[in-house]
Amino acid sequence: MGQTKYAFPTSAPSVNKPFVTDRAVVAGDTVYHLDCHQPTASARTIQCGPKERYALSEDLARIRHSCDPNVAFDLSSADRREWHVRAVKDIEVGTPLTYFYPSTEWTMDAPFECTCGARTCLGTIYGAKQLEREALMRRPHLNPWILFDEQRHAGSNSKCVACGEGARIRGRWACACSRL
């Protein structure tokens, strides 16, 4: 696991400007700790469970989508104080932070045409529900409720789509899978 190395935006908050890091970050480093919660959907939240939302700060709301992201929102801990944004690849100074929206979003209220330009670009971004299992598994980090087929098989014995195992622990999905 990486160390904590906070990244800070290089300019004042503005939803029109991407979050550009002011320092180099190594893959695995924690670049930001999350610290609040809001139960309603909006463009400035991410999904943190089947029916839960996390309110993003002005800085975090500036992290854009990419089909080949450099960070991930890691919400896999049952302890919300452990939730953080983690680098999934090395990031140079001045690089905009990006994450894969379907890694947290089961469905999106406003699907959009992706312009990330990545070789693995999906085109239209709808959320994880519309993606095939193989397309999801090619991503560097998916959050637990995305990995578990809970939304598609409500009430059934849901399993992790990556390893086929898992269980509910303290109300959250967990498994020993390295995808978490």
C-alpha atoms as a PDB file:
ATOM      1  CA  MET A   1       0.000   0.000   0.000  1.00  0.00           C
ATOM      2  CA  GLY A   2       1.285   3.483  -0.777  1.00  0.00           C
ATOM      3  CA  GLN A   3       1.865   6.326   1.560  1.00  0.00           C
ATOM      4  CA  THR A   4      -0.256   9.414   2.086  1.00  0.00           C
ATOM      5  CA  LYS A   5       0.924  12.211  -0.181  1.00  0.00           C
ATOM      6  CA  TYR A   6      -1.791  14.791  -0.539  1.00  0.00           C
ATOM      7  CA  ALA A   7      -2.192  16.415  -3.906  1.00  0.00           C
ATOM      8  CA  PHE A   8      -3.472  19.950  -4.033  1.00  0.00           C
ATOM      9  CA  PRO A   9      -4.999  21.776  -6.972  1.00  0.00           C
ATOM     10  CA  THR A  10      -2.744  24.279  -8.693  1.00  0.00           C
ATOM     11  CA  SER A  11      -5.516  26.885  -9.002  1.00  0.00           C
ATOM     12  CA  ALA A  12      -8.474  28.193  -7.036  1.00  0.00           C
ATOM     13  CA  PRO A  13     -11.594  25.971  -7.104  1.00  0.00           C
ATOM     14  CA  SER A  14     -13.790  26.313 -10.153  1.00  0.00           C
ATOM     15  CA  VAL A  15     -15.982  23.527 -11.508  1.00  0.00           C
ATOM     16  CA  ASN A  16     -14.814  24.524 -14.990  1.00  0.00           C
ATOM     17  CA  LYS A  17     -11.139  23.803 -14.200  1.00  0.00           C
ATOM     18  CA  PRO A  18      -9.826  20.265 -13.678  1.00  0.00           C
ATOM     19  CA  PHE A  19      -8.073  19.260 -10.446  1.00  0.00           C
ATOM     20  CA  VAL A  20      -4.406  19.519 -11.483  1.00  0.00           C
ATOM     21  CA  THR A  21      -1.922  18.177  -8.943  1.00  0.00           C
ATOM     22  CA  ASP A  22       0.844  20.395  -7.580  1.00  0.00           C
ATOM     23  CA  ARG A  23       3.197  17.463  -6.837  1.00  0.00           C
ATOM     24  CA  ALA A  24       4.260  14.115  -8.240  1.00  0.00           C
ATOM     25  CA  VAL A  25       2.350  11.117  -6.905  1.00  0.00           C
ATOM     26  CA  VAL A  26       3.368   7.448  -7.020  1.00  0.00           C
ATOM     27  CA  ALA A  27       0.853   4.676  -7.818  1.00  0.00           C
ATOM     28  CA  GLY A  28      -0.689   3.451  -4.556  1.00  0.00           C
ATOM     29  CA  ASP A  29      -0.323   6.761  -2.716  1.00  0.00           C
ATOM     30  CA  THR A  30      -3.351   8.297  -1.035  1.00  0.00           C
ATOM     31  CA  VAL A  31      -3.824  11.686  -2.649  1.00  0.00           C
ATOM     32  CA  TYR A  32      -6.896  12.851  -0.743  1.00  0.00           C
ATOM     33  CA  HIS A  33      -8.929  11.695   2.272  1.00  0.00           C
ATOM     34  CA  LEU A  34     -12.723  11.940   2.048  1.00  0.00           C
ATOM     35  CA  ASP A  35     -14.524  13.551   4.958  1.00  0.00           C
ATOM     36  CA  CYS A  36     -18.254  14.135   4.455  1.00  0.00           C
ATOM     37  CA  HIS A  37     -21.470  12.402   3.390  1.00  0.00           C
ATOM     38  CA  GLN A  38     -24.701  13.501   1.738  1.00  0.00           C
ATOM     39  CA  PRO A  39     -27.606  11.122   1.011  1.00  0.00           C
ATOM     40  CA  THR A  40     -28.921  12.709  -2.200  1.00  0.00           C
ATOM     41  CA  ALA A  41     -27.851  12.418  -5.836  1.00  0.00           C
ATOM     42  CA  SER A  42     -26.389  15.396  -7.661  1.00  0.00           C
ATOM     43  CA  ALA A  43     -23.638  16.129 -10.134  1.00  0.00           C
ATOM     44  CA  ARG A  44     -21.336  16.813  -7.170  1.00  0.00           C
ATOM     45  CA  THR A  45     -21.679  13.418  -5.494  1.00  0.00           C
ATOM     46  CA  ILE A  46     -20.450   9.897  -6.092  1.00  0.00           C
ATOM     47  CA  GLN A  47     -22.243   6.686  -5.256  1.00  0.00           C
ATOM     48  CA  CYS A  48     -20.860   5.019  -2.115  1.00  0.00           C
ATOM     49  CA  GLY A  49     -23.302   2.116  -1.910  1.00  0.00           C
ATOM     50  CA  PRO A  50     -26.449   0.856  -3.613  1.00  0.00           C
ATOM     51  CA  LYS A  51     -28.530   3.759  -2.226  1.00  0.00           C
ATOM     52  CA  GLU A  52     -25.937   6.064  -0.688  1.00  0.00           C
ATOM     53  CA  ARG A  53     -24.171   9.157  -2.023  1.00  0.00           C
ATOM     54  CA  TYR A  54     -21.000  10.970  -0.937  1.00  0.00           C
ATOM     55  CA  ALA A  55     -20.840  14.758  -1.340  1.00  0.00           C
ATOM     56  CA  LEU A  56     -17.698  15.933  -3.099  1.00  0.00           C
ATOM     57  CA  SER A  57     -15.762  18.996  -1.990  1.00  0.00           C
ATOM     58  CA  GLU A  58     -15.187  21.727  -4.586  1.00  0.00           C
ATOM     59  CA  ASP A  59     -11.727  20.283  -5.262  1.00  0.00           C
ATOM     60  CA  LEU A  60     -12.915  16.685  -5.662  1.00  0.00           C
ATOM     61  CA  ALA A  61     -15.784  17.741  -7.937  1.00  0.00           C
ATOM     62  CA  ARG A  62     -13.072  18.895 -10.354  1.00  0.00           C
ATOM     63  CA  ILE A  63     -11.706  15.367 -10.858  1.00  0.00           C
ATOM     64  CA  ARG A  64     -12.806  14.468 -14.368  1.00  0.00           C
ATOM     65  CA  HIS A  65     -13.737  11.151 -15.984  1.00  0.00           C
ATOM     66  CA  SER A  66     -11.326   9.068 -18.039  1.00  0.00           C
ATOM     67  CA  CYS A  67     -11.625   5.522 -19.335  1.00  0.00           C
ATOM     68  CA  ASP A  68      -7.903   5.234 -18.445  1.00  0.00           C
ATOM     69  CA  PRO A  69      -7.862   7.033 -15.051  1.00  0.00           C
ATOM     70  CA  ASN A  70      -4.928   7.979 -12.830  1.00  0.00           C
ATOM     71  CA  VAL A  71      -6.854   7.901  -9.502  1.00  0.00           C
ATOM     72  CA  ALA A  72      -9.665   5.900  -7.921  1.00  0.00           C
ATOM     73  CA  PHE A  73     -12.154   6.690  -5.181  1.00  0.00           C
ATOM     74  CA  ASP A  74     -11.409   3.858  -2.740  1.00  0.00           C
ATOM     75  CA  LEU A  75     -14.529   3.380  -0.626  1.00  0.00           C
ATOM     76  CA  SER A  76     -13.894  -0.300   0.137  1.00  0.00           C
ATOM     77  CA  SER A  77     -13.389   0.059   3.902  1.00  0.00           C
ATOM     78  CA  ALA A  78     -16.321  -0.452   6.269  1.00  0.00           C
ATOM     79  CA  ASP A  79     -14.831   2.471   8.231  1.00  0.00           C
ATOM     80  CA  ARG A  80     -15.707   5.646   6.321  1.00  0.00           C
ATOM     81  CA  ARG A  81     -12.762   7.425   7.935  1.00  0.00           C
ATOM     82  CA  GLU A  82     -10.565   5.204   5.737  1.00  0.00           C
ATOM     83  CA  TRP A  83     -12.174   6.307   2.449  1.00  0.00           C
ATOM     84  CA  HIS A  84      -9.733   8.079   0.157  1.00  0.00           C
ATOM     85  CA  VAL A  85      -8.673   8.916  -3.374  1.00  0.00           C
ATOM     86  CA  ARG A  86      -5.734   6.705  -4.391  1.00  0.00           C
ATOM     87  CA  ALA A  87      -3.337   6.976  -7.317  1.00  0.00           C
ATOM     88  CA  VAL A  88      -3.671   3.959  -9.646  1.00  0.00           C
ATOM     89  CA  LYS A  89      -0.625   5.020 -11.683  1.00  0.00           C
ATOM     90  CA  ASP A  90       2.259   7.452 -11.281  1.00  0.00           C
ATOM     91  CA  ILE A  91       1.142  11.066 -11.763  1.00  0.00           C
ATOM     92  CA  GLU A  92       3.454  13.901 -12.769  1.00  0.00           C
ATOM     93  CA  VAL A  93       3.231  17.458 -11.434  1.00  0.00           C
ATOM     94  CA  GLY A  94       0.630  19.468 -13.368  1.00  0.00           C
ATOM     95  CA  THR A  95      -1.376  16.428 -14.500  1.00  0.00           C
ATOM     96  CA  PRO A  96      -5.174  16.623 -14.171  1.00  0.00           C
ATOM     97  CA  LEU A  97      -6.609  13.940 -11.867  1.00  0.00           C
ATOM     98  CA  THR A  98      -9.106  11.594 -13.551  1.00  0.00           C
ATOM     99  CA  TYR A  99     -11.181   8.613 -12.426  1.00  0.00           C
ATOM    100  CA  PHE A 100     -13.417   6.070 -14.125  1.00  0.00           C
ATOM    101  CA  TYR A 101     -16.988   7.204 -13.308  1.00  0.00           C
ATOM    102  CA  PRO A 102     -18.533   3.701 -13.565  1.00  0.00           C
ATOM    103  CA  SER A 103     -16.144   2.590 -10.784  1.00  0.00           C
ATOM    104  CA  THR A 104     -18.580   4.261  -8.371  1.00  0.00           C
ATOM    105  CA  GLU A 105     -21.730   4.833 -10.441  1.00  0.00           C
ATOM    106  CA  TRP A 106     -24.163   1.967 -11.105  1.00  0.00           C
ATOM    107  CA  THR A 107     -26.326   4.194 -13.309  1.00  0.00           C
ATOM    108  CA  MET A 108     -25.869   7.816 -14.285  1.00  0.00           C
ATOM    109  CA  ASP A 109     -28.673  10.368 -14.325  1.00  0.00           C
ATOM    110  CA  ALA A 110     -26.960  12.151 -17.200  1.00  0.00           C
ATOM    111  CA  PRO A 111     -24.995   9.805 -19.501  1.00  0.00           C
ATOM    112  CA  PHE A 112     -22.441  11.638 -21.638  1.00  0.00           C
ATOM    113  CA  GLU A 113     -20.128  11.187 -24.595  1.00  0.00           C
ATOM    114  CA  CYS A 114     -16.601  10.590 -23.338  1.00  0.00           C
ATOM    115  CA  THR A 115     -13.826  12.579 -24.984  1.00  0.00           C
ATOM    116  CA  CYS A 116     -10.922  11.176 -22.933  1.00  0.00           C
ATOM    117  CA  GLY A 117      -9.145   9.844 -26.035  1.00  0.00           C
ATOM    118  CA  ALA A 118      -7.923   6.698 -24.248  1.00  0.00           C
ATOM    119  CA  ARG A 119      -7.320   3.553 -26.301  1.00  0.00           C
ATOM    120  CA  THR A 120      -9.893   1.875 -24.018  1.00  0.00           C
ATOM    121  CA  CYS A 121     -12.482   4.666 -24.329  1.00  0.00           C
ATOM    122  CA  LEU A 122     -16.038   3.392 -24.000  1.00  0.00           C
ATOM    123  CA  GLY A 123     -17.663   6.232 -25.958  1.00  0.00           C
ATOM    124  CA  THR A 124     -20.909   6.958 -24.114  1.00  0.00           C
ATOM    125  CA  ILE A 125     -20.669   6.685 -20.325  1.00  0.00           C
ATOM    126  CA  TYR A 126     -23.857   5.321 -18.753  1.00  0.00           C
ATOM    127  CA  GLY A 127     -22.606   3.701 -15.528  1.00  0.00           C
ATOM    128  CA  ALA A 128     -21.507   0.190 -14.549  1.00  0.00           C
ATOM    129  CA  LYS A 129     -24.939  -1.385 -15.063  1.00  0.00           C
ATOM    130  CA  GLN A 130     -24.660  -1.038 -18.851  1.00  0.00           C
ATOM    131  CA  LEU A 131     -21.149  -2.515 -19.081  1.00  0.00           C
ATOM    132  CA  GLU A 132     -20.279  -6.131 -19.729  1.00  0.00           C
ATOM    133  CA  ARG A 133     -18.420  -7.930 -16.957  1.00  0.00           C
ATOM    134  CA  GLU A 134     -15.219  -8.099 -19.040  1.00  0.00           C
ATOM    135  CA  ALA A 135     -15.251  -4.338 -19.665  1.00  0.00           C
ATOM    136  CA  LEU A 136     -15.578  -3.701 -15.928  1.00  0.00           C
ATOM    137  CA  MET A 137     -12.802  -6.104 -15.009  1.00  0.00           C
ATOM    138  CA  ARG A 138     -10.297  -4.318 -17.270  1.00  0.00           C
ATOM    139  CA  ARG A 139     -10.456  -1.265 -14.990  1.00  0.00           C
ATOM    140  CA  PRO A 140      -7.868  -0.665 -12.232  1.00  0.00           C
ATOM    141  CA  HIS A 141     -10.329  -0.231  -9.358  1.00  0.00           C
ATOM    142  CA  LEU A 142     -14.024  -0.874  -8.844  1.00  0.00           C
ATOM    143  CA  ASN A 143     -15.870  -0.277  -5.601  1.00  0.00           C
ATOM    144  CA  PRO A 144     -17.554  -3.150  -3.720  1.00  0.00           C
ATOM    145  CA  TRP A 145     -21.185  -2.533  -4.699  1.00  0.00           C
ATOM    146  CA  ILE A 146     -20.133  -2.414  -8.345  1.00  0.00           C
ATOM    147  CA  LEU A 147     -18.244  -5.715  -8.039  1.00  0.00           C
ATOM    148  CA  PHE A 148     -21.173  -7.410  -6.380  1.00  0.00           C
ATOM    149  CA  ASP A 149     -24.075  -8.146  -8.633  1.00  0.00           C
ATOM    150  CA  GLU A 150     -26.458  -6.846  -5.951  1.00  0.00           C
ATOM    151  CA  GLN A 151     -28.394  -4.415  -8.129  1.00  0.00           C
ATOM    152  CA  ARG A 152     -29.078  -6.987 -10.867  1.00  0.00           C
ATOM    153  CA  HIS A 153     -29.976  -9.833  -8.513  1.00  0.00           C
ATOM    154  CA  ALA A 154     -31.580  -8.132  -5.511  1.00  0.00           C
ATOM    155  CA  GLY A 155     -32.331 -10.612  -2.795  1.00  0.00           C
ATOM    156  CA  SER A 156     -30.274 -13.436  -4.309  1.00  0.00           C
ATOM    157  CA  ASN A 157     -27.013 -14.864  -3.019  1.00  0.00           C
ATOM    158  CA  SER A 158     -24.882 -12.174  -4.678  1.00  0.00           C
ATOM    159  CA  LYS A 159     -21.214 -12.792  -5.329  1.00  0.00           C
ATOM    160  CA  CYS A 160     -18.267 -10.708  -6.447  1.00  0.00           C
ATOM    161  CA  VAL A 161     -18.177 -10.593 -10.248  1.00  0.00           C
ATOM    162  CA  ALA A 162     -14.370 -10.733 -10.095  1.00  0.00           C
ATOM    163  CA  CYS A 163     -13.763 -13.769  -7.897  1.00  0.00           C
ATOM    164  CA  GLY A 164     -17.206 -15.321  -7.348  1.00  0.00           C
ATOM    165  CA  GLU A 165     -16.965 -15.056  -3.569  1.00  0.00           C
ATOM    166  CA  GLY A 166     -17.946 -12.554  -0.915  1.00  0.00           C
ATOM    167  CA  ALA A 167     -20.350 -11.743   1.857  1.00  0.00           C
ATOM    168  CA  ARG A 168     -21.970  -8.834   3.646  1.00  0.00           C
ATOM    169  CA  ILE A 169     -19.835  -7.634   6.554  1.00  0.00           C
ATOM    170  CA  ARG A 170     -21.230  -4.853   8.743  1.00  0.00           C
ATOM    171  CA  GLY A 171     -23.737  -3.976   6.048  1.00  0.00           C
ATOM    172  CA  ARG A 172     -21.161  -3.645   3.249  1.00  0.00           C
ATOM    173  CA  TRP A 173     -19.988  -6.106   0.622  1.00  0.00           C
ATOM    174  CA  ALA A 174     -16.524  -7.549   1.095  1.00  0.00           C
ATOM    175  CA  CYS A 175     -14.353 -10.286  -0.387  1.00  0.00           C
ATOM    176  CA  ALA A 176     -10.703 -11.242  -0.468  1.00  0.00           C
ATOM    177  CA  CYS A 177     -10.483 -10.249  -4.128  1.00  0.00           C
ATOM    178  CA  SER A 178      -7.534  -8.087  -5.140  1.00  0.00           C
ATOM    179  CA  ARG A 179      -9.910  -5.908  -7.204  1.00  0.00           C
ATOM    180  CA  LEU A 180     -11.050  -4.101  -4.039  1.00  0.00           C
END
